[in-house]
N, C-alpha and C. Protein backbone atom coordinates (compact mmCIF):
# COMPACT_ATOMS: atom_id res chain seq x y z
N UNK A 1 6.16 4.10 -7.96
CA UNK A 1 7.64 4.10 -8.43
C UNK A 1 8.47 3.70 -7.58
N UNK A 2 9.20 2.82 -7.85
CA UNK A 2 10.35 1.90 -7.24
C UNK A 2 11.61 2.59 -6.74
N UNK A 3 12.36 3.05 -5.91
CA UNK A 3 13.42 3.35 -6.02
C UNK A 3 14.25 2.84 -6.41
N UNK A 4 15.04 3.03 -7.34
CA UNK A 4 16.44 2.33 -8.45
C UNK A 4 17.85 2.84 -8.08
N UNK A 5 18.56 2.29 -7.98
CA UNK A 5 19.98 3.26 -7.68
C UNK A 5 20.69 3.06 -8.99
N UNK A 6 21.82 3.91 -9.52
CA UNK A 6 22.57 4.13 -10.42
C UNK A 6 24.36 4.62 -10.33
N UNK A 7 25.22 3.70 -11.02
CA UNK A 7 26.17 4.68 -10.70
C UNK A 7 26.66 5.39 -12.24
N UNK A 8 27.25 6.62 -12.09
CA UNK A 8 27.82 7.11 -13.29
C UNK A 8 28.65 6.57 -13.64
N UNK A 9 28.53 6.13 -14.78
CA UNK A 9 29.72 5.38 -15.68
C UNK A 9 31.03 6.08 -16.58
N UNK A 10 30.44 7.47 -17.12
CA UNK A 10 30.82 8.17 -17.86
C UNK A 10 30.00 9.44 -18.18
N UNK A 11 30.77 10.21 -18.47
CA UNK A 11 30.49 11.53 -18.88
C UNK A 11 30.82 12.39 -19.73
N UNK A 12 29.64 12.44 -21.08
CA UNK A 12 30.35 12.88 -22.29
C UNK A 12 29.44 14.40 -22.47
N UNK A 13 30.16 15.21 -22.00
CA UNK A 13 29.97 17.02 -22.27
C UNK A 13 28.61 17.03 -21.39
N UNK A 14 27.50 17.14 -21.83
CA UNK A 14 26.38 17.39 -21.74
C UNK A 14 25.17 16.28 -21.12
N UNK A 15 25.96 15.07 -21.01
CA UNK A 15 25.37 14.07 -21.11
C UNK A 15 26.10 12.77 -20.03
N UNK A 16 25.54 12.23 -18.99
CA UNK A 16 26.11 11.03 -18.01
C UNK A 16 25.23 9.98 -18.64
N UNK A 17 26.34 8.99 -18.65
CA UNK A 17 25.66 7.09 -18.55
C UNK A 17 25.51 6.83 -17.59
N UNK A 18 24.72 6.33 -17.29
CA UNK A 18 23.94 5.69 -16.00
C UNK A 18 24.16 4.26 -16.14
N UNK A 19 24.27 3.78 -15.29
CA UNK A 19 24.21 2.07 -14.88
C UNK A 19 23.46 1.94 -13.99
N UNK A 20 22.59 0.72 -14.19
CA UNK A 20 21.69 0.56 -12.93
C UNK A 20 22.43 -0.72 -11.76
N UNK A 21 22.14 -0.39 -10.81
CA UNK A 21 22.87 -1.28 -9.73
C UNK A 21 21.68 -2.34 -9.17
N UNK A 22 20.58 -2.12 -9.33
CA UNK A 22 19.50 -2.82 -8.35
C UNK A 22 19.31 -3.69 -9.48
N UNK A 23 19.27 -3.41 -10.80
CA UNK A 23 18.77 -4.46 -11.97
C UNK A 23 19.33 -4.70 -12.98
N UNK A 24 19.14 -5.70 -13.91
CA UNK A 24 20.11 -6.22 -15.16
C UNK A 24 19.21 -5.22 -16.12
N UNK A 25 19.70 -3.81 -16.55
CA UNK A 25 19.38 -3.27 -17.73
C UNK A 25 20.77 -2.72 -18.24
N UNK A 26 20.16 -2.29 -19.37
CA UNK A 26 21.24 -1.53 -20.33
C UNK A 26 21.61 -0.45 -19.65
N UNK A 27 23.15 0.41 -20.13
CA UNK A 27 22.94 1.51 -19.55
C UNK A 27 22.29 2.24 -20.45
N UNK A 28 22.37 3.79 -20.02
CA UNK A 28 21.42 4.91 -20.92
C UNK A 28 22.04 5.90 -20.55
N UNK A 29 21.93 7.03 -21.31
CA UNK A 29 22.35 8.14 -21.16
C UNK A 29 21.06 9.44 -21.04
N UNK A 30 21.45 10.40 -19.97
CA UNK A 30 20.62 11.26 -19.48
C UNK A 30 21.15 12.47 -19.39
N UNK A 31 20.87 13.76 -19.25
CA UNK A 31 21.17 15.19 -19.55
C UNK A 31 21.55 15.56 -18.15
N UNK A 32 23.33 15.68 -18.27
CA UNK A 32 23.54 16.27 -17.10
C UNK A 32 22.42 17.44 -16.44
N UNK A 33 21.79 18.03 -16.77
CA UNK A 33 20.90 19.07 -15.98
C UNK A 33 19.47 18.42 -15.35
N UNK A 34 19.31 16.99 -15.40
CA UNK A 34 18.86 16.51 -14.49
C UNK A 34 19.25 15.68 -13.21
N UNK A 35 20.52 16.12 -13.32
CA UNK A 35 21.10 15.62 -12.42
C UNK A 35 21.80 16.39 -11.38
N UNK A 36 21.80 16.15 -9.85
CA UNK A 36 22.66 16.84 -8.72
C UNK A 36 23.91 17.51 -9.55
N UNK A 37 24.15 19.00 -9.36
CA UNK A 37 25.44 19.84 -9.71
C UNK A 37 26.75 18.48 -9.42
N UNK A 38 26.44 18.34 -7.96
CA UNK A 38 27.89 17.68 -7.69
C UNK A 38 27.93 16.09 -8.86
N UNK A 39 27.36 15.79 -9.63
CA UNK A 39 27.47 14.67 -9.86
C UNK A 39 28.68 14.35 -10.65
N UNK A 40 29.37 13.45 -10.52
CA UNK A 40 30.74 13.17 -11.35
C UNK A 40 31.04 11.92 -11.76
N UNK A 41 31.90 11.25 -12.50
CA UNK A 41 32.13 9.68 -13.21
C UNK A 41 32.19 9.30 -11.69
N UNK A 42 31.86 8.10 -11.34
CA UNK A 42 31.53 7.16 -10.17
C UNK A 42 30.69 7.34 -8.88
N UNK A 43 29.82 8.61 -9.42
CA UNK A 43 28.97 9.10 -8.32
C UNK A 43 27.71 8.04 -8.35
N UNK A 44 27.26 7.76 -6.72
CA UNK A 44 26.37 7.07 -6.79
C UNK A 44 24.90 7.97 -6.74
N UNK A 45 23.89 7.50 -7.46
CA UNK A 45 22.48 8.02 -7.35
C UNK A 45 21.60 7.07 -7.13
N UNK A 46 20.22 7.69 -6.48
CA UNK A 46 19.14 7.06 -6.16
C UNK A 46 18.33 7.68 -7.11
N UNK A 47 16.86 7.31 -7.60
CA UNK A 47 15.82 7.71 -8.33
C UNK A 47 14.62 7.58 -7.25
N UNK A 48 14.30 8.65 -7.17
CA UNK A 48 12.95 8.25 -6.12
C UNK A 48 12.38 9.25 -6.51
N UNK A 49 10.85 9.34 -6.85
CA UNK A 49 9.62 10.24 -7.30
C UNK A 49 10.24 10.87 -8.40
N UNK A 50 10.60 10.23 -9.08
CA UNK A 50 11.19 11.16 -10.47
C UNK A 50 12.16 11.63 -10.38
N UNK A 51 13.02 12.18 -9.26
CA UNK A 51 14.11 13.12 -9.26
C UNK A 51 15.14 12.25 -8.81
N UNK A 52 16.41 12.37 -9.24
CA UNK A 52 17.95 12.06 -8.78
C UNK A 52 18.28 13.03 -7.66
N UNK A 53 19.00 11.60 -6.93
CA UNK A 53 19.43 12.55 -5.39
C UNK A 53 20.97 11.54 -5.52
N UNK A 54 21.88 12.19 -4.74
CA UNK A 54 22.76 11.26 -4.56
C UNK A 54 22.56 10.60 -3.68
N UNK A 55 23.13 9.48 -3.64
CA UNK A 55 22.95 8.08 -2.77
C UNK A 55 24.31 8.28 -1.87
C-alpha cells in the first residue's frame, strides 16, 4: 500500500473529515478513535501500513 497524506479539514463530534493532499479524491470522514490523540482541525496526517500518524 502506498503512503498517502491527508489534512483534517473539519471535526464533527466523533468523526473527522479528511482531505487527501496527494491525489484528487473526495473528502471523507473517519472515526476519530482511529486517528492519533492529538489530531485537531488543520492537522496533517500520513496513512502508512493502515495506520494514521502525524506527518
